[in-house]
Amino acid sequence: MQSDNLIEVRGLRTVLPLKNKELAAPVDDIDLDIPLRKTVGLVGESGCGKSMTARSIMRLLDYPIHIQEGTIAFRREGGSEIDLAAISEKEMRGVRGREISMIFQEPMTALNPSITVGKQVREAITLHENISRSAAKERVIKAFYDVGIPEPEQRYHAYPHQLSGGLRQRICIAMAMVLQPAFLIADEPTTALDVTVEAQILALMKQLQQDNDMSILLITHNLGVVADICDEVNVMYAGQIVEHAEKAELFRRTLHPYTRGLMKAIPRVRGSMEGELYTIQGTVPSLSQMPTACRFCARCPYAQEQCRNEMPSLRDVGNGHLVRCFREVEP
């Protein structure tokens, strides 16, 4: 494991059985590095396997979905390493929440509607620490204050439905951060929030990262969010990483046709407003009909015969820029 990485995922393959008893792989041979104190973006359309990758790292997979192969090396405080894919569920429960936390996509479904938000965050503390309820309550109120929740003492007794979407998301962030984990997975943390609240949540995440020397895996489909908060970017398509680079390098030299399509689909403020927004034709292939060759070739305007018959590997084209394409498209 490299000394500057907190997490190293190698050859991760997560599978689920189909009706014909064949195995489909929504996460297929993923290599992913999370450097210390950095934010890494995981970008792609819905159905590309981003959330399944996150759930695989957290070991939050609903049966019969399971990790078939691969390693998830995690550097613990003190320098020791464990493989999250190999440890028991009991051991994983000790890691989950305390050392690795996750902010889920929909705060309303992530929170229990029948329990006050203060109690839910308090339980996250008492599950891992031998601490009194009153001391845990004080920690929760401080966590609410730290994430910018107004009147935290009163919000402690509120139910999720009594709070706005922005406040519910802040509650989820407080729950994820209350034990000061080394690694945070944020799965579409600003989905369904208006742009003002989105900007506040992203600013909050950046501040919490600086305050806690934390690493973040940010899952999103929004390249604007990536440009704002990420240090490195991984573009995912149909269960595979198709491009990886540092943020500045990726925006300066976008090479994979899929990534270029995502870039072209961003609405522009400047220039002519005439014409339709750019869209990538077609859809992500279904798990039951995954191509054995290049998975993007059916939608790619540059596809050649080789693309339809062979699977491209992820190769380095310089500056740590990786691309899964036979002929990367220069901008």
Protein backbone atom coordinates (compact mmCIF):
# COMPACT_ATOMS: atom_id res chain seq x y z
CA MET A 1 0.00 0.00 0.00
CA GLN A 2 1.38 3.40 -0.97
CA SER A 3 2.24 5.62 1.98
CA ASP A 4 0.10 8.52 0.75
CA ASN A 5 -3.12 6.49 0.39
CA LEU A 6 -5.77 5.86 3.04
CA ILE A 7 -7.75 3.38 0.89
CA GLU A 8 -6.58 1.20 -1.99
CA VAL A 9 -9.21 -0.79 -3.88
CA ARG A 10 -7.82 -3.45 -6.22
CA GLY A 11 -9.73 -5.70 -8.61
CA LEU A 12 -13.05 -5.16 -6.83
CA ARG A 13 -15.86 -7.18 -8.40
CA THR A 14 -19.33 -7.11 -6.85
CA VAL A 15 -21.92 -9.48 -8.32
CA LEU A 16 -25.60 -10.35 -8.12
CA PRO A 17 -27.42 -13.38 -9.57
CA LEU A 18 -29.86 -12.88 -12.43
CA LYS A 19 -33.02 -14.92 -13.05
CA ASN A 20 -31.10 -17.30 -15.32
CA LYS A 21 -28.65 -17.88 -12.42
CA GLU A 22 -25.84 -16.10 -14.24
CA LEU A 23 -23.88 -13.50 -12.28
CA ALA A 24 -23.98 -9.83 -13.27
CA ALA A 25 -21.27 -7.44 -12.08
CA PRO A 26 -22.46 -3.87 -11.37
CA VAL A 27 -18.91 -3.27 -10.07
CA ASP A 28 -16.39 -4.94 -12.35
CA ASP A 29 -12.62 -4.98 -11.69
CA ILE A 30 -12.43 -1.57 -10.03
CA ASP A 31 -9.09 -0.07 -8.96
CA LEU A 32 -9.48 3.04 -6.83
CA ASP A 33 -7.10 5.04 -4.62
CA ILE A 34 -8.20 7.45 -1.90
CA PRO A 35 -5.18 9.60 -0.89
CA LEU A 36 -4.82 10.92 2.63
CA ARG A 37 -6.67 14.20 3.24
CA LYS A 38 -7.90 14.41 -0.38
CA THR A 39 -11.33 14.45 -2.02
CA VAL A 40 -11.78 11.98 -4.86
CA GLY A 41 -14.75 12.27 -7.19
CA LEU A 42 -16.60 9.29 -8.68
CA VAL A 43 -18.65 10.54 -11.63
CA GLY A 44 -21.11 8.96 -14.04
CA GLU A 45 -24.73 8.53 -15.05
CA SER A 46 -27.30 6.75 -12.91
CA GLY A 47 -26.84 3.00 -13.24
CA CYS A 48 -23.07 3.13 -13.76
CA GLY A 49 -22.27 1.45 -10.42
CA LYS A 50 -21.15 4.44 -8.35
CA SER A 51 -23.35 3.80 -5.31
CA MET A 52 -22.73 0.05 -5.51
CA THR A 53 -18.99 0.76 -5.35
CA ALA A 54 -19.54 2.84 -2.22
CA ARG A 55 -21.74 0.20 -0.63
CA SER A 56 -19.13 -2.43 -1.44
CA ILE A 57 -16.46 -0.43 0.41
CA MET A 58 -18.85 0.00 3.36
CA ARG A 59 -19.94 -3.66 3.12
CA LEU A 60 -23.59 -2.55 3.02
CA LEU A 61 -24.76 -5.01 0.36
CA ASP A 62 -28.21 -6.59 0.40
CA TYR A 63 -28.16 -10.37 -0.02
CA PRO A 64 -27.60 -11.97 -2.52
CA ILE A 65 -25.35 -9.15 -3.78
CA HIS A 66 -21.80 -9.86 -2.64
CA ILE A 67 -18.13 -9.12 -3.26
CA GLN A 68 -16.84 -11.92 -5.45
CA GLU A 69 -13.19 -10.87 -5.57
CA GLY A 70 -10.83 -8.01 -4.91
CA THR A 71 -9.25 -6.25 -1.94
CA ILE A 72 -10.07 -3.02 -0.08
CA ALA A 73 -6.96 -2.06 1.90
CA PHE A 74 -7.64 0.48 4.65
CA ARG A 75 -4.90 2.20 6.66
CA ARG A 76 -6.02 2.52 10.26
CA GLU A 77 -4.84 5.10 12.76
CA GLY A 78 -1.38 4.03 13.86
CA GLY A 79 -0.42 2.65 10.45
CA SER A 80 -1.84 -0.88 10.56
CA GLU A 81 -3.78 -2.13 7.53
CA ILE A 82 -6.89 -4.27 7.14
CA ASP A 83 -8.71 -5.64 4.11
CA LEU A 84 -12.33 -4.49 4.41
CA ALA A 85 -13.38 -7.12 1.88
CA ALA A 86 -12.01 -9.96 4.02
CA ILE A 87 -12.81 -9.09 7.65
CA SER A 88 -15.86 -10.47 9.42
CA GLU A 89 -19.14 -8.55 9.66
CA LYS A 90 -18.56 -8.14 13.40
CA GLU A 91 -15.18 -6.51 12.74
CA MET A 92 -16.72 -4.37 9.99
CA ARG A 93 -19.37 -3.05 12.39
CA GLY A 94 -16.51 -1.75 14.56
CA VAL A 95 -15.01 0.10 11.58
CA ARG A 96 -18.27 1.35 10.08
CA GLY A 97 -19.30 4.65 11.66
CA ARG A 98 -16.20 5.07 13.80
CA GLU A 99 -13.46 5.02 11.14
CA ILE A 100 -15.47 5.11 7.91
CA SER A 101 -18.81 6.90 7.54
CA MET A 102 -21.26 7.49 4.72
CA ILE A 103 -23.71 10.24 3.83
CA PHE A 104 -26.55 8.69 1.88
CA GLN A 105 -28.26 10.15 -1.16
CA GLU A 106 -31.72 10.78 0.32
CA PRO A 107 -31.65 12.17 3.87
CA MET A 108 -35.37 11.53 4.36
CA THR A 109 -34.94 7.80 3.77
CA ALA A 110 -31.60 7.64 5.62
CA LEU A 111 -33.25 8.93 8.81
CA ASN A 112 -35.81 6.97 10.84
CA PRO A 113 -39.04 9.01 10.69
CA SER A 114 -40.27 7.72 14.07
CA ILE A 115 -37.21 8.72 16.12
CA THR A 116 -35.99 12.23 16.91
CA VAL A 117 -32.86 13.26 15.01
CA GLY A 118 -30.96 13.92 18.22
CA LYS A 119 -31.55 10.38 19.47
CA GLN A 120 -30.49 8.91 16.13
CA VAL A 121 -27.16 10.74 16.18
CA ARG A 122 -26.72 9.96 19.89
CA GLU A 123 -27.09 6.24 19.17
CA ALA A 124 -24.25 6.49 16.66
CA ILE A 125 -22.02 7.56 19.56
CA THR A 126 -23.22 5.12 22.23
CA LEU A 127 -22.91 2.21 19.78
CA HIS A 128 -19.13 2.70 19.63
CA GLU A 129 -18.26 4.39 22.92
CA ASN A 130 -18.95 3.69 26.59
CA ILE A 131 -20.43 7.09 27.36
CA SER A 132 -23.42 8.38 29.34
CA ARG A 133 -26.55 9.56 27.52
CA SER A 134 -26.11 13.10 28.85
CA ALA A 135 -22.51 13.29 27.65
CA ALA A 136 -23.52 11.85 24.28
CA LYS A 137 -26.30 14.44 24.02
CA GLU A 138 -23.79 17.24 24.57
CA ARG A 139 -21.62 15.78 21.78
CA VAL A 140 -24.62 15.68 19.46
CA ILE A 141 -25.60 19.29 20.14
CA LYS A 142 -22.00 20.37 19.51
CA ALA A 143 -22.00 18.36 16.25
CA PHE A 144 -25.24 20.09 15.22
CA TYR A 145 -23.63 23.45 15.96
CA ASP A 146 -20.49 22.50 13.99
CA VAL A 147 -22.49 21.71 10.85
CA GLY A 148 -24.40 24.97 11.03
CA ILE A 149 -27.78 23.83 12.38
CA PRO A 150 -29.56 26.81 14.00
CA GLU A 151 -30.94 26.35 17.53
CA PRO A 152 -29.27 22.94 17.95
CA GLU A 153 -30.79 22.31 21.39
CA GLN A 154 -34.31 22.60 19.94
CA ARG A 155 -33.48 20.65 16.76
CA TYR A 156 -32.23 17.78 18.93
CA HIS A 157 -35.85 16.93 19.78
CA ALA A 158 -37.22 17.35 16.23
CA TYR A 159 -38.40 14.54 13.95
CA PRO A 160 -37.08 14.36 10.37
CA HIS A 161 -40.37 15.50 8.82
CA GLN A 162 -40.21 18.70 10.86
CA LEU A 163 -36.98 19.78 9.16
CA SER A 164 -36.21 21.13 5.71
CA GLY A 165 -34.21 19.11 3.19
CA GLY A 166 -31.10 21.18 3.86
CA LEU A 167 -31.35 20.67 7.62
CA ARG A 168 -31.95 16.92 7.21
CA GLN A 169 -28.81 16.70 5.10
CA ARG A 170 -26.87 18.59 7.80
CA ILE A 171 -28.20 16.09 10.35
CA CYS A 172 -26.86 13.24 8.19
CA ILE A 173 -23.50 14.99 7.94
CA ALA A 174 -23.43 15.48 11.72
CA MET A 175 -24.22 11.77 12.19
CA ALA A 176 -21.41 10.80 9.81
CA MET A 177 -18.91 13.19 11.40
CA VAL A 178 -19.71 12.90 15.11
CA LEU A 179 -17.07 10.19 15.65
CA GLN A 180 -14.51 12.02 13.47
CA PRO A 181 -13.88 9.23 10.94
CA ALA A 182 -10.77 9.16 8.77
CA PHE A 183 -12.79 8.45 5.63
CA LEU A 184 -16.15 9.81 4.51
CA ILE A 185 -18.20 8.57 1.56
CA ALA A 186 -20.69 11.18 0.33
CA ASP A 187 -23.23 9.67 -2.08
CA GLU A 188 -24.88 12.51 -4.03
CA PRO A 189 -24.96 14.69 -0.87
CA THR A 190 -26.63 17.63 -2.62
CA THR A 191 -29.29 15.80 -4.64
CA ALA A 192 -32.72 17.52 -4.52
CA LEU A 193 -31.28 20.57 -2.76
CA ASP A 194 -31.52 24.03 -4.30
CA VAL A 195 -28.31 25.65 -5.51
CA THR A 196 -27.96 27.93 -2.49
CA VAL A 197 -28.20 25.05 -0.01
CA GLU A 198 -25.95 22.94 -2.27
CA ALA A 199 -23.23 25.59 -2.08
CA GLN A 200 -23.57 25.68 1.73
CA ILE A 201 -23.31 21.88 2.03
CA LEU A 202 -20.23 21.72 -0.23
CA ALA A 203 -18.55 24.55 1.72
CA LEU A 204 -19.36 22.71 4.94
CA MET A 205 -17.80 19.47 3.66
CA LYS A 206 -14.62 21.28 2.62
CA GLN A 207 -14.37 22.94 6.02
CA LEU A 208 -14.95 19.67 7.90
CA GLN A 209 -12.28 17.97 5.79
CA GLN A 210 -9.74 20.65 6.66
CA ASP A 211 -10.67 20.59 10.35
CA ASN A 212 -10.47 16.77 10.64
CA ASP A 213 -7.72 15.84 8.11
CA MET A 214 -10.28 13.57 6.46
CA SER A 215 -10.37 11.79 3.09
CA ILE A 216 -13.59 11.95 1.06
CA LEU A 217 -15.04 9.89 -1.77
CA LEU A 218 -17.64 12.12 -3.42
CA ILE A 219 -20.16 10.35 -5.66
CA THR A 220 -21.95 12.66 -8.08
CA HIS A 221 -23.20 13.15 -11.61
CA ASN A 222 -22.54 16.88 -11.41
CA LEU A 223 -19.21 17.95 -12.89
CA GLY A 224 -19.73 21.43 -11.45
CA VAL A 225 -19.56 19.90 -7.95
CA VAL A 226 -16.45 17.98 -8.98
CA ALA A 227 -14.78 21.19 -10.16
CA ASP A 228 -15.60 22.86 -6.85
CA ILE A 229 -14.51 20.29 -4.29
CA CYS A 230 -12.49 17.39 -5.75
CA ASP A 231 -8.72 16.90 -6.04
CA GLU A 232 -8.88 13.81 -8.27
CA VAL A 233 -11.63 12.43 -10.51
CA ASN A 234 -12.66 8.92 -11.56
CA VAL A 235 -15.23 8.61 -14.36
CA MET A 236 -17.30 5.42 -14.16
CA TYR A 237 -19.33 3.76 -16.90
CA ALA A 238 -21.16 0.42 -16.84
CA GLY A 239 -19.32 -0.84 -13.77
CA GLN A 240 -15.82 0.20 -14.87
CA ILE A 241 -13.50 3.16 -14.38
CA VAL A 242 -13.03 4.63 -17.86
CA GLU A 243 -10.91 7.67 -16.99
CA HIS A 244 -8.90 8.90 -14.02
CA ALA A 245 -6.86 12.06 -13.54
CA GLU A 246 -6.23 14.94 -11.21
CA LYS A 247 -9.01 17.50 -11.51
CA ALA A 248 -7.06 20.15 -13.39
CA GLU A 249 -5.65 17.56 -15.79
CA LEU A 250 -9.08 16.05 -16.50
CA PHE A 251 -10.73 19.38 -17.28
CA ARG A 252 -7.74 20.50 -19.35
CA ARG A 253 -7.35 17.26 -21.32
CA THR A 254 -10.52 15.16 -21.40
CA LEU A 255 -9.70 12.02 -23.37
CA HIS A 256 -12.39 9.37 -23.06
CA PRO A 257 -15.39 9.88 -25.39
CA TYR A 258 -17.80 9.29 -22.49
CA THR A 259 -16.14 11.93 -20.31
CA ARG A 260 -16.16 14.34 -23.26
CA GLY A 261 -19.88 13.69 -23.66
CA LEU A 262 -20.46 14.51 -19.98
CA MET A 263 -18.47 17.72 -20.39
CA LYS A 264 -20.39 18.77 -23.50
CA ALA A 265 -23.70 18.15 -21.69
CA ILE A 266 -22.95 20.84 -19.08
CA PRO A 267 -25.20 23.89 -19.70
CA ARG A 268 -23.14 26.95 -20.64
CA VAL A 269 -23.87 30.43 -19.32
CA ARG A 270 -21.79 32.16 -21.97
CA GLY A 271 -22.20 31.98 -25.73
CA SER A 272 -25.27 31.37 -27.85
CA MET A 273 -28.39 30.10 -26.11
CA GLU A 274 -29.84 28.78 -29.35
CA GLY A 275 -30.26 25.06 -30.03
CA GLU A 276 -30.85 22.09 -27.79
CA LEU A 277 -28.63 20.93 -24.94
CA TYR A 278 -26.16 18.22 -25.91
CA THR A 279 -27.08 14.69 -24.85
CA ILE A 280 -25.23 11.40 -25.14
CA GLN A 281 -27.36 9.16 -27.34
CA GLY A 282 -28.53 5.82 -25.93
CA THR A 283 -28.49 4.48 -22.38
CA VAL A 284 -26.19 2.58 -20.04
CA PRO A 285 -26.33 -1.16 -20.93
CA SER A 286 -28.36 -3.35 -18.58
CA LEU A 287 -26.61 -5.84 -16.31
CA SER A 288 -28.14 -8.74 -18.23
CA GLN A 289 -26.85 -7.46 -21.59
CA MET A 290 -23.39 -6.16 -20.75
CA PRO A 291 -21.10 -6.05 -23.82
CA THR A 292 -18.01 -8.25 -23.79
CA ALA A 293 -16.07 -5.61 -25.77
CA CYS A 294 -15.92 -1.85 -25.09
CA ARG A 295 -19.01 -1.06 -23.01
CA PHE A 296 -19.40 2.42 -24.46
CA CYS A 297 -18.97 1.52 -28.13
CA ALA A 298 -22.73 1.43 -28.90
CA ARG A 299 -22.99 5.11 -27.88
CA CYS A 300 -19.56 6.29 -29.02
CA PRO A 301 -19.29 8.47 -32.15
CA TYR A 302 -15.67 7.33 -32.60
CA ALA A 303 -16.24 3.55 -32.31
CA GLN A 304 -14.26 1.32 -34.69
CA GLU A 305 -14.26 -2.40 -35.42
CA GLN A 306 -11.72 -3.05 -32.67
CA CYS A 307 -14.00 -1.40 -30.12
CA ARG A 308 -16.82 -3.82 -30.98
CA ASN A 309 -14.62 -6.89 -30.60
CA GLU A 310 -12.13 -6.18 -27.81
CA MET A 311 -12.24 -4.86 -24.25
CA PRO A 312 -9.87 -1.89 -23.80
CA SER A 313 -7.67 -1.83 -20.71
CA LEU A 314 -7.08 1.15 -18.45
CA ARG A 315 -3.77 2.62 -19.63
CA ASP A 316 -1.58 5.52 -18.51
CA VAL A 317 -1.21 8.30 -21.08
CA GLY A 318 1.05 10.47 -18.92
CA ASN A 319 0.79 12.57 -15.74
CA GLY A 320 -1.06 9.74 -14.02
CA HIS A 321 -3.90 10.20 -16.49
CA LEU A 322 -5.59 6.83 -17.10
CA VAL A 323 -8.05 6.14 -19.92
CA ARG A 324 -9.91 2.99 -21.00
CA CYS A 325 -10.01 3.57 -24.75
CA PHE A 326 -8.15 2.35 -27.84
CA ARG A 327 -7.96 5.87 -29.26
CA GLU A 328 -8.39 8.64 -26.74
CA VAL A 329 -10.03 11.72 -28.24
CA GLU A 330 -7.88 14.82 -27.88
CA PRO A 331 -9.87 18.03 -27.17
